[in-house]
mmCIF file of all heavy atoms, coordinates in Angstrom:
data_MODEL
# 
_entry.id   MODEL 
# 
loop_
_atom_site.group_PDB 
_atom_site.id 
_atom_site.type_symbol 
_atom_site.label_atom_id 
_atom_site.label_alt_id 
_atom_site.label_comp_id 
_atom_site.label_asym_id 
_atom_site.label_entity_id 
_atom_site.label_seq_id 
_atom_site.pdbx_PDB_ins_code 
_atom_site.Cartn_x 
_atom_site.Cartn_y 
_atom_site.Cartn_z 
_atom_site.occupancy 
_atom_site.B_iso_or_equiv 
_atom_site.pdbx_formal_charge 
_atom_site.auth_seq_id 
_atom_site.auth_comp_id 
_atom_site.auth_asym_id 
_atom_site.auth_atom_id 
_atom_site.pdbx_PDB_model_num 
ATOM 1   N N   . GLY A 1 1  ? 83.143  114.925 103.743 1.00 0.00 ? 1  GLY A N   1 
ATOM 2   C CA  . GLY A 1 1  ? 82.873  116.381 103.434 1.00 0.00 ? 1  GLY A CA  1 
ATOM 3   C C   . GLY A 1 1  ? 83.907  116.842 102.460 1.00 0.00 ? 1  GLY A C   1 
ATOM 4   O O   . GLY A 1 1  ? 84.939  116.281 102.223 1.00 0.00 ? 1  GLY A O   1 
ATOM 5   N N   . PRO A 1 2  ? 83.572  117.927 101.771 1.00 0.00 ? 2  PRO A N   1 
ATOM 6   C CA  . PRO A 1 2  ? 84.431  118.529 100.703 1.00 0.00 ? 2  PRO A CA  1 
ATOM 7   C C   . PRO A 1 2  ? 85.811  119.075 101.280 1.00 0.00 ? 2  PRO A C   1 
ATOM 8   O O   . PRO A 1 2  ? 86.749  119.034 100.544 1.00 0.00 ? 2  PRO A O   1 
ATOM 9   C CB  . PRO A 1 2  ? 83.709  119.598 100.015 1.00 0.00 ? 2  PRO A CB  1 
ATOM 10  C CG  . PRO A 1 2  ? 82.709  119.984 101.057 1.00 0.00 ? 2  PRO A CG  1 
ATOM 11  C CD  . PRO A 1 2  ? 82.321  118.771 101.854 1.00 0.00 ? 2  PRO A CD  1 
ATOM 12  N N   . GLU A 1 3  ? 85.804  119.454 102.596 1.00 0.00 ? 3  GLU A N   1 
ATOM 13  C CA  . GLU A 1 3  ? 86.982  120.002 103.164 1.00 0.00 ? 3  GLU A CA  1 
ATOM 14  C C   . GLU A 1 3  ? 86.804  119.791 104.639 1.00 0.00 ? 3  GLU A C   1 
ATOM 15  O O   . GLU A 1 3  ? 85.752  119.603 105.212 1.00 0.00 ? 3  GLU A O   1 
ATOM 16  C CB  . GLU A 1 3  ? 87.228  121.434 102.930 1.00 0.00 ? 3  GLU A CB  1 
ATOM 17  C CG  . GLU A 1 3  ? 85.995  122.390 103.298 1.00 0.00 ? 3  GLU A CG  1 
ATOM 18  C CD  . GLU A 1 3  ? 86.198  123.791 102.854 1.00 0.00 ? 3  GLU A CD  1 
ATOM 19  O OE1 . GLU A 1 3  ? 86.910  124.077 101.903 1.00 0.00 ? 3  GLU A OE1 1 
ATOM 20  O OE2 . GLU A 1 3  ? 85.433  124.729 103.455 1.00 0.00 ? 3  GLU A OE2 1 
ATOM 21  N N   . PRO A 1 4  ? 87.999  119.713 105.421 1.00 0.00 ? 4  PRO A N   1 
ATOM 22  C CA  . PRO A 1 4  ? 87.903  119.598 106.816 1.00 0.00 ? 4  PRO A CA  1 
ATOM 23  C C   . PRO A 1 4  ? 87.145  120.665 107.565 1.00 0.00 ? 4  PRO A C   1 
ATOM 24  O O   . PRO A 1 4  ? 87.311  121.813 107.252 1.00 0.00 ? 4  PRO A O   1 
ATOM 25  C CB  . PRO A 1 4  ? 89.352  119.613 107.259 1.00 0.00 ? 4  PRO A CB  1 
ATOM 26  C CG  . PRO A 1 4  ? 90.189  119.205 106.011 1.00 0.00 ? 4  PRO A CG  1 
ATOM 27  C CD  . PRO A 1 4  ? 89.436  119.739 104.910 1.00 0.00 ? 4  PRO A CD  1 
ATOM 28  N N   . ARG A 1 5  ? 86.249  120.188 108.364 1.00 0.00 ? 5  ARG A N   1 
ATOM 29  C CA  . ARG A 1 5  ? 85.350  121.157 109.170 1.00 0.00 ? 5  ARG A CA  1 
ATOM 30  C C   . ARG A 1 5  ? 84.887  120.534 110.412 1.00 0.00 ? 5  ARG A C   1 
ATOM 31  O O   . ARG A 1 5  ? 84.530  119.319 110.376 1.00 0.00 ? 5  ARG A O   1 
ATOM 32  C CB  . ARG A 1 5  ? 84.227  121.570 108.313 1.00 0.00 ? 5  ARG A CB  1 
ATOM 33  C CG  . ARG A 1 5  ? 83.170  122.640 108.945 1.00 0.00 ? 5  ARG A CG  1 
ATOM 34  C CD  . ARG A 1 5  ? 82.109  122.895 108.016 1.00 0.00 ? 5  ARG A CD  1 
ATOM 35  N NE  . ARG A 1 5  ? 81.188  123.888 108.574 1.00 0.00 ? 5  ARG A NE  1 
ATOM 36  C CZ  . ARG A 1 5  ? 80.045  124.275 108.016 1.00 0.00 ? 5  ARG A CZ  1 
ATOM 37  N NH1 . ARG A 1 5  ? 79.736  123.822 106.827 1.00 0.00 ? 5  ARG A NH1 1 
ATOM 38  N NH2 . ARG A 1 5  ? 79.259  125.130 108.655 1.00 0.00 ? 5  ARG A NH2 1 
ATOM 39  N N   . VAL A 1 6  ? 84.973  121.212 111.539 1.00 0.00 ? 6  VAL A N   1 
ATOM 40  C CA  . VAL A 1 6  ? 84.538  120.717 112.818 1.00 0.00 ? 6  VAL A CA  1 
ATOM 41  C C   . VAL A 1 6  ? 83.361  121.644 113.440 1.00 0.00 ? 6  VAL A C   1 
ATOM 42  O O   . VAL A 1 6  ? 83.528  122.862 113.501 1.00 0.00 ? 6  VAL A O   1 
ATOM 43  C CB  . VAL A 1 6  ? 85.613  120.662 113.788 1.00 0.00 ? 6  VAL A CB  1 
ATOM 44  C CG1 . VAL A 1 6  ? 85.185  120.000 115.127 1.00 0.00 ? 6  VAL A CG1 1 
ATOM 45  C CG2 . VAL A 1 6  ? 86.856  119.821 113.250 1.00 0.00 ? 6  VAL A CG2 1 
ATOM 46  N N   . THR A 1 7  ? 82.274  120.909 113.723 1.00 0.00 ? 7  THR A N   1 
ATOM 47  C CA  . THR A 1 7  ? 81.063  121.689 114.258 1.00 0.00 ? 7  THR A CA  1 
ATOM 48  C C   . THR A 1 7  ? 80.566  121.088 115.601 1.00 0.00 ? 7  THR A C   1 
ATOM 49  O O   . THR A 1 7  ? 80.463  119.949 115.711 1.00 0.00 ? 7  THR A O   1 
ATOM 50  C CB  . THR A 1 7  ? 79.956  121.703 113.235 1.00 0.00 ? 7  THR A CB  1 
ATOM 51  O OG1 . THR A 1 7  ? 80.497  122.056 111.954 1.00 0.00 ? 7  THR A OG1 1 
ATOM 52  C CG2 . THR A 1 7  ? 78.868  122.562 113.648 1.00 0.00 ? 7  THR A CG2 1 
ATOM 53  N N   . ALA A 1 8  ? 80.358  121.989 116.531 1.00 0.00 ? 8  ALA A N   1 
ATOM 54  C CA  . ALA A 1 8  ? 79.754  121.605 117.852 1.00 0.00 ? 8  ALA A CA  1 
ATOM 55  C C   . ALA A 1 8  ? 78.343  121.712 117.819 1.00 0.00 ? 8  ALA A C   1 
ATOM 56  O O   . ALA A 1 8  ? 77.836  122.786 117.236 1.00 0.00 ? 8  ALA A O   1 
ATOM 57  C CB  . ALA A 1 8  ? 80.440  122.409 118.914 1.00 0.00 ? 8  ALA A CB  1 
ATOM 58  N N   . TYR A 1 9  ? 77.532  120.774 118.352 1.00 0.00 ? 9  TYR A N   1 
ATOM 59  C CA  . TYR A 1 9  ? 76.087  120.863 118.474 1.00 0.00 ? 9  TYR A CA  1 
ATOM 60  C C   . TYR A 1 9  ? 75.684  120.867 119.933 1.00 0.00 ? 9  TYR A C   1 
ATOM 61  O O   . TYR A 1 9  ? 75.590  119.922 120.661 1.00 0.00 ? 9  TYR A O   1 
ATOM 62  C CB  . TYR A 1 9  ? 75.526  119.630 117.815 1.00 0.00 ? 9  TYR A CB  1 
ATOM 63  C CG  . TYR A 1 9  ? 75.540  119.727 116.359 1.00 0.00 ? 9  TYR A CG  1 
ATOM 64  C CD1 . TYR A 1 9  ? 76.630  119.390 115.607 1.00 0.00 ? 9  TYR A CD1 1 
ATOM 65  C CD2 . TYR A 1 9  ? 74.406  120.102 115.531 1.00 0.00 ? 9  TYR A CD2 1 
ATOM 66  C CE1 . TYR A 1 9  ? 76.682  119.437 114.225 1.00 0.00 ? 9  TYR A CE1 1 
ATOM 67  C CE2 . TYR A 1 9  ? 74.431  120.207 114.262 1.00 0.00 ? 9  TYR A CE2 1 
ATOM 68  C CZ  . TYR A 1 9  ? 75.587  119.803 113.589 1.00 0.00 ? 9  TYR A CZ  1 
ATOM 69  O OH  . TYR A 1 9  ? 75.545  119.936 112.189 1.00 0.00 ? 9  TYR A OH  1 
ATOM 70  N N   . PRO A 1 10 ? 75.463  122.213 120.503 1.00 0.00 ? 10 PRO A N   1 
ATOM 71  C CA  . PRO A 1 10 ? 74.945  122.278 121.840 1.00 0.00 ? 10 PRO A CA  1 
ATOM 72  C C   . PRO A 1 10 ? 73.610  121.861 121.928 1.00 0.00 ? 10 PRO A C   1 
ATOM 73  O O   . PRO A 1 10 ? 72.734  121.947 120.990 1.00 0.00 ? 10 PRO A O   1 
ATOM 74  C CB  . PRO A 1 10 ? 75.108  123.745 122.136 1.00 0.00 ? 10 PRO A CB  1 
ATOM 75  C CG  . PRO A 1 10 ? 76.002  124.365 120.934 1.00 0.00 ? 10 PRO A CG  1 
ATOM 76  C CD  . PRO A 1 10 ? 75.812  123.461 119.793 1.00 0.00 ? 10 PRO A CD  1 
ATOM 77  N N   . ALA A 1 11 ? 73.226  121.257 123.151 1.00 0.00 ? 11 ALA A N   1 
ATOM 78  C CA  . ALA A 1 11 ? 71.828  120.808 123.252 1.00 0.00 ? 11 ALA A CA  1 
ATOM 79  C C   . ALA A 1 11 ? 70.964  122.010 123.259 1.00 0.00 ? 11 ALA A C   1 
ATOM 80  O O   . ALA A 1 11 ? 71.137  122.896 124.084 1.00 0.00 ? 11 ALA A O   1 
ATOM 81  C CB  . ALA A 1 11 ? 71.767  120.115 124.660 1.00 0.00 ? 11 ALA A CB  1 
ATOM 82  N N   . GLY A 1 12 ? 70.029  122.027 122.348 1.00 0.00 ? 12 GLY A N   1 
ATOM 83  C CA  . GLY A 1 12 ? 68.972  123.092 122.253 1.00 0.00 ? 12 GLY A CA  1 
ATOM 84  C C   . GLY A 1 12 ? 69.541  124.412 121.743 1.00 0.00 ? 12 GLY A C   1 
ATOM 85  O O   . GLY A 1 12 ? 68.868  125.349 121.745 1.00 0.00 ? 12 GLY A O   1 
ATOM 86  N N   . GLY A 1 13 ? 70.770  124.472 121.203 1.00 0.00 ? 13 GLY A N   1 
ATOM 87  C CA  . GLY A 1 13 ? 71.321  125.563 120.612 1.00 0.00 ? 13 GLY A CA  1 
ATOM 88  C C   . GLY A 1 13 ? 71.704  125.489 119.196 1.00 0.00 ? 13 GLY A C   1 
ATOM 89  O O   . GLY A 1 13 ? 71.554  124.409 118.584 1.00 0.00 ? 13 GLY A O   1 
ATOM 90  N N   . ALA A 1 14 ? 72.186  126.583 118.705 1.00 0.00 ? 14 ALA A N   1 
ATOM 91  C CA  . ALA A 1 14 ? 72.626  126.544 117.247 1.00 0.00 ? 14 ALA A CA  1 
ATOM 92  C C   . ALA A 1 14 ? 73.969  125.880 117.154 1.00 0.00 ? 14 ALA A C   1 
ATOM 93  O O   . ALA A 1 14 ? 74.839  126.055 117.983 1.00 0.00 ? 14 ALA A O   1 
ATOM 94  C CB  . ALA A 1 14 ? 72.614  128.008 116.739 1.00 0.00 ? 14 ALA A CB  1 
ATOM 95  N N   . PRO A 1 15 ? 74.212  125.244 115.989 1.00 0.00 ? 15 PRO A N   1 
ATOM 96  C CA  . PRO A 1 15 ? 75.592  124.734 115.741 1.00 0.00 ? 15 PRO A CA  1 
ATOM 97  C C   . PRO A 1 15 ? 76.630  125.785 115.656 1.00 0.00 ? 15 PRO A C   1 
ATOM 98  O O   . PRO A 1 15 ? 76.376  126.831 115.292 1.00 0.00 ? 15 PRO A O   1 
ATOM 99  C CB  . PRO A 1 15 ? 75.337  123.943 114.398 1.00 0.00 ? 15 PRO A CB  1 
ATOM 100 C CG  . PRO A 1 15 ? 73.975  123.760 114.295 1.00 0.00 ? 15 PRO A CG  1 
ATOM 101 C CD  . PRO A 1 15 ? 73.347  124.944 114.880 1.00 0.00 ? 15 PRO A CD  1 
ATOM 102 N N   . ARG A 1 16 ? 77.955  125.362 116.117 1.00 0.00 ? 16 ARG A N   1 
ATOM 103 C CA  . ARG A 1 16 ? 79.045  126.381 116.142 1.00 0.00 ? 16 ARG A CA  1 
ATOM 104 C C   . ARG A 1 16 ? 80.193  125.786 115.437 1.00 0.00 ? 16 ARG A C   1 
ATOM 105 O O   . ARG A 1 16 ? 80.690  124.584 115.874 1.00 0.00 ? 16 ARG A O   1 
ATOM 106 C CB  . ARG A 1 16 ? 79.359  126.805 117.591 1.00 0.00 ? 16 ARG A CB  1 
ATOM 107 C CG  . ARG A 1 16 ? 78.255  127.609 118.193 1.00 0.00 ? 16 ARG A CG  1 
ATOM 108 C CD  . ARG A 1 16 ? 78.760  128.039 119.571 1.00 0.00 ? 16 ARG A CD  1 
ATOM 109 N NE  . ARG A 1 16 ? 79.860  128.890 119.556 1.00 0.00 ? 16 ARG A NE  1 
ATOM 110 C CZ  . ARG A 1 16 ? 80.407  129.470 120.701 1.00 0.00 ? 16 ARG A CZ  1 
ATOM 111 N NH1 . ARG A 1 16 ? 79.830  129.226 121.798 1.00 0.00 ? 16 ARG A NH1 1 
ATOM 112 N NH2 . ARG A 1 16 ? 81.454  130.253 120.546 1.00 0.00 ? 16 ARG A NH2 1 
ATOM 113 N N   . ASP A 1 17 ? 80.812  126.393 114.408 1.00 0.00 ? 17 ASP A N   1 
ATOM 114 C CA  . ASP A 1 17 ? 81.999  125.865 113.876 1.00 0.00 ? 17 ASP A CA  1 
ATOM 115 C C   . ASP A 1 17 ? 83.219  126.204 114.831 1.00 0.00 ? 17 ASP A C   1 
ATOM 116 O O   . ASP A 1 17 ? 83.136  127.242 115.585 1.00 0.00 ? 17 ASP A O   1 
ATOM 117 C CB  . ASP A 1 17 ? 82.316  126.689 112.571 1.00 0.00 ? 17 ASP A CB  1 
ATOM 118 C CG  . ASP A 1 17 ? 81.433  126.091 111.496 1.00 0.00 ? 17 ASP A CG  1 
ATOM 119 O OD1 . ASP A 1 17 ? 80.778  125.089 111.654 1.00 0.00 ? 17 ASP A OD1 1 
ATOM 120 O OD2 . ASP A 1 17 ? 81.444  126.806 110.362 1.00 0.00 ? 17 ASP A OD2 1 
ATOM 121 N N   . LEU A 1 18 ? 84.068  125.256 114.879 1.00 0.00 ? 18 LEU A N   1 
ATOM 122 C CA  . LEU A 1 18 ? 85.151  125.343 115.925 1.00 0.00 ? 18 LEU A CA  1 
ATOM 123 C C   . LEU A 1 18 ? 86.522  125.542 115.313 1.00 0.00 ? 18 LEU A C   1 
ATOM 124 O O   . LEU A 1 18 ? 86.755  125.043 114.176 1.00 0.00 ? 18 LEU A O   1 
ATOM 125 C CB  . LEU A 1 18 ? 85.240  124.031 116.768 1.00 0.00 ? 18 LEU A CB  1 
ATOM 126 C CG  . LEU A 1 18 ? 83.889  123.536 117.458 1.00 0.00 ? 18 LEU A CG  1 
ATOM 127 C CD1 . LEU A 1 18 ? 84.078  122.309 118.184 1.00 0.00 ? 18 LEU A CD1 1 
ATOM 128 C CD2 . LEU A 1 18 ? 83.396  124.647 118.405 1.00 0.00 ? 18 LEU A CD2 1 
ATOM 129 N N   . ALA A 1 19 ? 87.373  126.371 116.066 1.00 0.00 ? 19 ALA A N   1 
ATOM 130 C CA  . ALA A 1 19 ? 88.758  126.405 115.753 1.00 0.00 ? 19 ALA A CA  1 
ATOM 131 C C   . ALA A 1 19 ? 89.513  125.111 116.075 1.00 0.00 ? 19 ALA A C   1 
ATOM 132 O O   . ALA A 1 19 ? 89.211  124.588 117.166 1.00 0.00 ? 19 ALA A O   1 
ATOM 133 C CB  . ALA A 1 19 ? 89.407  127.594 116.572 1.00 0.00 ? 19 ALA A CB  1 
ATOM 134 N N   . VAL A 1 20 ? 90.245  124.663 115.183 1.00 0.00 ? 20 VAL A N   1 
ATOM 135 C CA  . VAL A 1 20 ? 90.887  123.311 115.313 1.00 0.00 ? 20 VAL A CA  1 
ATOM 136 C C   . VAL A 1 20 ? 92.434  123.444 115.382 1.00 0.00 ? 20 VAL A C   1 
ATOM 137 O O   . VAL A 1 20 ? 93.074  124.184 114.651 1.00 0.00 ? 20 VAL A O   1 
ATOM 138 C CB  . VAL A 1 20 ? 90.552  122.352 114.158 1.00 0.00 ? 20 VAL A CB  1 
ATOM 139 C CG1 . VAL A 1 20 ? 91.195  121.064 114.273 1.00 0.00 ? 20 VAL A CG1 1 
ATOM 140 C CG2 . VAL A 1 20 ? 89.105  122.201 114.067 1.00 0.00 ? 20 VAL A CG2 1 
ATOM 141 N N   . THR A 1 21 ? 93.081  122.752 116.330 1.00 0.00 ? 21 THR A N   1 
ATOM 142 C CA  . THR A 1 21 ? 94.552  122.738 116.371 1.00 0.00 ? 21 THR A CA  1 
ATOM 143 C C   . THR A 1 21 ? 94.885  121.200 116.190 1.00 0.00 ? 21 THR A C   1 
ATOM 144 O O   . THR A 1 21 ? 94.442  120.344 117.031 1.00 0.00 ? 21 THR A O   1 
ATOM 145 C CB  . THR A 1 21 ? 95.020  123.252 117.685 1.00 0.00 ? 21 THR A CB  1 
ATOM 146 O OG1 . THR A 1 21 ? 94.598  124.625 117.874 1.00 0.00 ? 21 THR A OG1 1 
ATOM 147 C CG2 . THR A 1 21 ? 96.516  123.113 117.712 1.00 0.00 ? 21 THR A CG2 1 
ATOM 148 N N   . ARG A 1 22 ? 95.711  120.874 115.225 1.00 0.00 ? 22 ARG A N   1 
ATOM 149 C CA  . ARG A 1 22 ? 96.237  119.543 115.127 1.00 0.00 ? 22 ARG A CA  1 
ATOM 150 C C   . ARG A 1 22 ? 97.291  119.298 116.211 1.00 0.00 ? 22 ARG A C   1 
ATOM 151 O O   . ARG A 1 22 ? 98.097  120.063 116.542 1.00 0.00 ? 22 ARG A O   1 
ATOM 152 C CB  . ARG A 1 22 ? 96.840  119.361 113.791 1.00 0.00 ? 22 ARG A CB  1 
ATOM 153 C CG  . ARG A 1 22 ? 95.905  119.347 112.647 1.00 0.00 ? 22 ARG A CG  1 
ATOM 154 C CD  . ARG A 1 22 ? 94.868  118.367 112.621 1.00 0.00 ? 22 ARG A CD  1 
ATOM 155 N NE  . ARG A 1 22 ? 95.343  117.010 112.548 1.00 0.00 ? 22 ARG A NE  1 
ATOM 156 C CZ  . ARG A 1 22 ? 95.526  116.305 111.441 1.00 0.00 ? 22 ARG A CZ  1 
ATOM 157 N NH1 . ARG A 1 22 ? 95.169  116.816 110.282 1.00 0.00 ? 22 ARG A NH1 1 
ATOM 158 N NH2 . ARG A 1 22 ? 95.952  115.055 111.442 1.00 0.00 ? 22 ARG A NH2 1 
ATOM 159 N N   . THR A 1 23 ? 97.197  118.043 116.874 1.00 0.00 ? 23 THR A N   1 
ATOM 160 C CA  . THR A 1 23 ? 98.095  117.667 117.851 1.00 0.00 ? 23 THR A CA  1 
ATOM 161 C C   . THR A 1 23 ? 98.725  116.375 117.425 1.00 0.00 ? 23 THR A C   1 
ATOM 162 O O   . THR A 1 23 ? 98.300  115.615 116.516 1.00 0.00 ? 23 THR A O   1 
ATOM 163 C CB  . THR A 1 23 ? 97.360  117.452 119.274 1.00 0.00 ? 23 THR A CB  1 
ATOM 164 O OG1 . THR A 1 23 ? 96.477  116.315 119.187 1.00 0.00 ? 23 THR A OG1 1 
ATOM 165 C CG2 . THR A 1 23 ? 96.578  118.738 119.625 1.00 0.00 ? 23 THR A CG2 1 
ATOM 166 N N   . ALA A 1 24 ? 99.682  115.841 118.251 1.00 0.00 ? 24 ALA A N   1 
ATOM 167 C CA  . ALA A 1 24 ? 100.348 114.599 117.853 1.00 0.00 ? 24 ALA A CA  1 
ATOM 168 C C   . ALA A 1 24 ? 99.352  113.360 118.001 1.00 0.00 ? 24 ALA A C   1 
ATOM 169 O O   . ALA A 1 24 ? 99.502  112.414 117.246 1.00 0.00 ? 24 ALA A O   1 
ATOM 170 C CB  . ALA A 1 24 ? 101.533 114.415 118.793 1.00 0.00 ? 24 ALA A CB  1 
ATOM 171 N N   . SER A 1 25 ? 98.342  113.576 118.853 1.00 0.00 ? 25 SER A N   1 
ATOM 172 C CA  . SER A 1 25 ? 97.404  112.498 119.020 1.00 0.00 ? 25 SER A CA  1 
ATOM 173 C C   . SER A 1 25 ? 96.102  112.622 118.285 1.00 0.00 ? 25 SER A C   1 
ATOM 174 O O   . SER A 1 25 ? 95.206  111.705 118.286 1.00 0.00 ? 25 SER A O   1 
ATOM 175 C CB  . SER A 1 25 ? 97.072  112.293 120.455 1.00 0.00 ? 25 SER A CB  1 
ATOM 176 O OG  . SER A 1 25 ? 96.471  113.474 121.019 1.00 0.00 ? 25 SER A OG  1 
# 
């Protein structure tokens, strides 16, 4: 993708962009 982006896909629902926190792992 052109830039980092994280999206959740609920079953039967609309996709949702997620807030992301980088961790050591």
